Protein backbone atom coordinates (compact mmCIF):
# COMPACT_ATOMS: atom_id res chain seq x y z
CA MET A 1 -14.14 15.61 -17.44
CA PHE A 2 -11.34 13.07 -17.01
CA PHE A 3 -11.00 13.40 -13.22
CA TRP A 4 -14.72 13.50 -12.44
CA LYS A 5 -17.28 10.72 -12.41
CA ASP A 6 -21.01 11.18 -12.93
CA TYR A 7 -22.76 8.84 -10.53
CA ALA A 8 -26.14 9.71 -12.02
CA LYS A 9 -25.10 8.18 -15.34
CA PRO A 10 -25.83 4.47 -15.77
CA GLY A 11 -22.76 2.32 -16.14
CA PRO A 12 -21.23 -1.04 -15.29
CA GLY A 13 -21.44 -2.16 -11.71
CA ILE A 14 -21.79 -5.15 -9.43
CA ASP A 15 -25.12 -6.75 -8.62
CA PRO A 16 -25.57 -6.13 -4.87
CA ASP A 17 -27.33 -9.49 -4.52
CA ALA A 18 -24.61 -11.44 -6.26
CA PRO A 19 -22.07 -13.31 -4.10
CA GLU A 20 -18.67 -11.63 -3.95
CA LYS A 21 -16.09 -13.09 -6.27
CA THR A 22 -12.82 -14.21 -4.74
CA GLY A 23 -9.23 -14.67 -5.83
CA LEU A 24 -8.21 -13.82 -9.38
CA ARG A 25 -11.84 -13.38 -10.47
CA ARG A 26 -12.35 -10.63 -7.91
CA PHE A 27 -9.08 -8.92 -8.84
CA ALA A 28 -9.98 -9.06 -12.55
CA GLU A 29 -13.40 -7.61 -11.72
CA ILE A 30 -11.84 -4.65 -9.92
CA LEU A 31 -9.45 -4.04 -12.82
CA GLN A 32 -12.33 -4.13 -15.29
CA LEU A 33 -14.53 -1.73 -13.34
CA GLU A 34 -11.79 0.64 -12.18
CA CYS A 35 -9.27 0.57 -15.04
CA VAL A 36 -9.85 4.22 -15.99
CA THR A 37 -9.84 5.28 -12.35
CA LEU A 38 -6.53 3.50 -11.80
CA VAL A 39 -4.97 5.55 -14.62
CA LYS A 40 -6.41 8.78 -13.15
CA LEU A 41 -5.15 7.81 -9.71
CA ASN A 42 -1.67 7.06 -11.01
CA LEU A 43 -1.48 10.47 -12.70
CA LEU A 44 -2.75 12.25 -9.58
CA PHE A 45 -0.14 10.46 -7.48
CA LEU A 46 2.68 11.41 -9.83
CA ILE A 47 1.62 15.05 -10.07
CA SER A 48 1.06 15.50 -6.33
CA SER A 49 4.35 13.80 -5.38
CA LEU A 50 6.50 15.85 -7.78
CA PRO A 51 7.63 18.24 -5.01
CA VAL A 52 9.00 15.09 -3.24
CA VAL A 53 8.18 16.51 0.21
CA THR A 54 4.51 15.74 -0.53
CA LEU A 55 5.25 12.04 -1.17
CA PRO A 56 3.93 10.80 2.22
CA ALA A 57 0.59 12.58 1.75
CA ALA A 58 0.39 11.35 -1.85
CA LEU A 59 1.00 7.76 -0.74
CA TYR A 60 -1.69 8.00 1.91
CA ALA A 61 -4.19 9.54 -0.52
CA MET A 62 -3.56 6.82 -3.12
CA GLN A 63 -3.95 4.11 -0.49
CA SER A 64 -7.25 5.65 0.65
CA VAL A 65 -8.72 5.60 -2.85
CA ILE A 66 -7.50 2.03 -3.44
CA ARG A 67 -9.16 0.92 -0.21
CA ARG A 68 -12.49 2.25 -1.48
CA MET A 69 -12.07 0.16 -4.64
CA ILE A 70 -11.20 -2.93 -2.62
CA GLU A 71 -14.25 -2.48 -0.41
CA ASP A 72 -16.51 -1.87 -3.45
CA GLN A 73 -17.36 1.69 -2.39
CA PRO A 74 -18.11 4.49 -4.89
CA VAL A 75 -14.94 6.26 -5.98
CA ASP A 76 -14.74 9.86 -7.13
CA CYS A 77 -11.03 9.77 -7.82
CA PHE A 78 -10.21 13.47 -7.63
CA TYR A 79 -12.51 14.23 -4.67
CA HIS A 80 -11.48 11.31 -2.49
CA TYR A 81 -7.80 11.72 -3.33
CA ARG A 82 -7.84 15.46 -2.61
CA THR A 83 -9.80 14.95 0.62
CA ALA A 84 -7.41 12.30 1.99
CA PHE A 85 -4.40 14.35 0.91
CA ALA A 86 -5.60 17.57 2.58
CA ARG A 87 -7.21 16.19 5.73
CA HIS A 88 -4.81 13.45 6.76
CA TRP A 89 -1.38 14.74 5.76
CA LYS A 90 -0.16 14.76 9.38
CA LYS A 91 -1.13 11.11 9.78
CA ALA A 92 0.48 10.38 6.41
CA TYR A 93 3.85 11.89 7.41
CA ALA A 94 3.85 10.05 10.74
CA ALA A 95 3.10 6.73 9.05
CA PHE A 96 5.72 7.33 6.37
CA PHE A 97 8.55 8.06 8.77
CA LEU A 98 7.57 5.27 11.15
CA THR A 99 7.96 2.92 8.20
CA ALA A 100 10.81 4.49 6.24
CA LEU A 101 13.22 5.14 9.12
CA PRO A 102 13.22 1.60 10.57
CA LEU A 103 13.57 0.17 7.05
CA LEU A 104 16.48 2.48 6.25
CA LEU A 105 18.33 2.02 9.54
CA SER A 106 17.82 -1.73 9.78
CA GLY A 107 18.70 -2.16 6.10
CA CYS A 108 21.98 -0.33 6.63
CA GLY A 109 22.58 -2.48 9.73
CA VAL A 110 22.00 -5.68 7.76
CA LEU A 111 24.59 -4.71 5.14
CA THR A 112 27.11 -3.46 7.70
CA TYR A 113 26.94 -6.34 10.19
CA LEU A 114 26.85 -8.98 7.45
CA ARG A 115 30.18 -7.69 6.18
CA PHE A 116 31.67 -7.75 9.69
CA ALA A 117 30.19 -11.17 10.47
CA VAL A 118 32.30 -12.74 7.72
CA SER A 119 35.41 -12.24 9.86
CA ASN A 120 33.79 -12.27 13.33
CA PRO A 121 30.76 -14.55 14.02
CA LEU A 122 29.74 -12.39 16.99
CA PHE A 123 28.36 -9.86 14.53
CA PHE A 124 25.71 -12.36 13.42
CA LEU A 125 23.69 -11.37 16.50
CA PRO A 126 23.19 -7.69 15.53
CA PHE A 127 22.81 -8.87 11.91
CA ALA A 128 19.93 -11.14 12.96
CA LEU A 129 18.36 -8.32 15.00
CA CYS A 130 18.53 -5.86 12.09
CA SER A 131 17.17 -8.49 9.70
CA THR A 132 14.22 -9.14 12.00
CA VAL A 133 13.42 -5.45 12.32
CA PHE A 134 13.68 -4.97 8.55
CA LEU A 135 11.41 -7.92 7.69
CA LEU A 136 8.86 -7.12 10.40
CA THR A 137 8.67 -3.47 9.33
CA LEU A 138 8.34 -4.44 5.66
CA LEU A 139 5.48 -6.84 6.40
CA ALA A 140 3.82 -4.38 8.80
CA SER A 141 3.87 -1.66 6.13
CA THR A 142 1.38 -3.66 4.05
CA TYR A 143 -1.13 -3.45 6.92
CA PHE A 144 -0.32 0.06 8.17
CA TYR A 145 -2.07 2.27 5.62
CA PRO A 146 -5.14 0.01 5.24
CA ILE A 147 -5.73 0.06 9.00
CA LEU A 148 -5.22 3.83 9.12
CA SER A 149 -7.89 4.13 6.43
CA THR A 150 -10.41 2.52 8.80
CA GLY A 151 -10.22 5.67 10.93
CA LYS A 152 -7.55 4.61 13.41
CA THR A 153 -4.92 7.05 14.57
CA VAL A 154 -1.24 6.24 14.06
CA ARG A 155 -0.88 5.33 17.74
CA GLU A 156 -3.95 3.06 17.62
CA ALA A 157 -2.71 1.35 14.44
CA LEU A 158 0.86 0.60 15.57
CA ARG A 159 0.12 -2.36 17.82
CA PRO A 160 -2.29 -4.21 15.47
CA VAL A 161 -0.03 -3.81 12.41
CA LEU A 162 2.89 -5.33 14.31
CA VAL A 163 0.69 -8.15 15.62
CA LEU A 164 -0.69 -8.86 12.15
CA ALA A 165 2.78 -8.72 10.58
CA ALA A 166 4.06 -11.30 13.06
CA GLY A 167 0.89 -13.38 13.38
CA ARG A 168 -0.49 -13.22 9.81
CA PRO A 169 2.65 -12.93 7.69
CA LEU A 170 1.52 -14.95 4.63
CA ARG A 171 -0.80 -12.28 3.22
CA ALA A 172 1.79 -9.61 3.93
CA VAL A 173 4.47 -11.66 2.14
CA LEU A 174 2.20 -11.94 -0.92
CA ALA A 175 1.55 -8.20 -0.78
CA VAL A 176 5.28 -7.47 -0.62
CA PHE A 177 6.15 -9.95 -3.39
CA PHE A 178 3.45 -8.99 -5.89
CA GLY A 179 2.84 -5.36 -4.93
CA TYR A 180 6.25 -4.04 -3.99
CA GLY A 181 7.97 -6.53 -6.31
CA LEU A 182 6.10 -5.30 -9.38
CA LEU A 183 7.01 -1.70 -8.60
CA LEU A 184 10.65 -2.63 -7.98
CA ALA A 185 10.81 -4.54 -11.27
CA ALA A 186 9.43 -1.50 -13.11
CA VAL A 187 11.98 0.80 -11.48
CA LEU A 188 14.84 -1.57 -12.36
CA ALA A 189 13.57 -1.75 -15.96
CA PHE A 190 13.68 2.05 -16.34
CA PRO A 191 13.54 3.67 -18.93
CA LEU A 192 11.79 0.82 -20.77
CA SER A 193 9.09 0.86 -18.09
CA VAL A 194 8.29 4.59 -18.43
CA PRO A 195 4.85 4.07 -20.08
CA PHE A 196 3.91 1.55 -17.39
CA LEU A 197 5.08 3.84 -14.56
CA LEU A 198 3.22 6.83 -16.00
CA LEU A 199 -0.08 5.03 -16.51
CA ILE A 200 -0.47 2.34 -13.82
CA GLY A 201 2.98 1.75 -12.38
CA PHE A 202 2.06 2.93 -8.88
CA SER A 203 -1.72 2.45 -8.65
CA VAL A 204 -1.78 -1.21 -9.74
CA PRO A 205 1.04 -2.36 -7.37
CA CYS A 206 -0.83 -0.54 -4.59
CA LEU A 207 -4.02 -2.34 -5.62
CA LEU A 208 -2.22 -5.69 -5.57
CA ALA A 209 -0.79 -5.11 -2.09
CA ASN A 210 -4.16 -4.06 -0.70
CA PHE A 211 -5.92 -6.93 -2.46
CA PHE A 212 -3.83 -9.55 -0.67
CA THR A 213 -4.30 -8.00 2.78
CA ARG A 214 -8.00 -7.15 2.43
CA THR A 215 -9.43 -10.27 4.14
CA VAL A 216 -7.11 -9.91 7.14
CA ILE A 217 -8.05 -6.24 7.50
CA ARG A 218 -11.75 -7.14 7.35
CA GLN A 219 -11.31 -9.76 10.06
CA TYR A 220 -9.43 -7.25 12.20
CA ALA A 221 -12.14 -4.60 11.68
CA SER A 222 -14.93 -7.05 12.62
CA ILE A 223 -13.09 -8.04 15.80
CA MET A 224 -12.60 -4.38 16.76
CA GLU A 225 -16.30 -3.71 16.26
């Protein structure tokens, strides 16, 4: 069946004794091995987020499956997606609102205070504060779900994601630019981008974002161990 994988059936894989590829070669390798799974995952995400209120759980479930791909773990798309969706929905909602609310409020503050600052320079101070909160939250969001997928609670993940966003911003910037940027470009190109959005428009940007932050997350996990 389309959503099930037979692990007993021989197929393409990675030689466990071969050194891990890096950079574009590693990303191309993941795309080659998981291209069908990425389409399945994209469809599952779209279907499960249709009620809208389930979007946080759908985002968390997609991130969990993508993390397994990044870490070269076996992926049963439907099983792992359903499991993450059903078991961790509370964590998913908490993470979603802790990210979405600061982005929304600080984004509104940036637009509001920038308009006022044109006539009164004193408003540049709250503008700078809102801009800092917006950028820090945006960068932290690229680390939040990956760290949650390591088994951390939302409370345990908050401090390290903020530290990583401030202390290791380069990878987060790449994740935002290539991951979030690709999705934004597809949304702006609607309806021309409908085929892309239906097939891989959410799973591949998620893969890109996680790909850029993977080495930082590994370093963090090794330090915590």
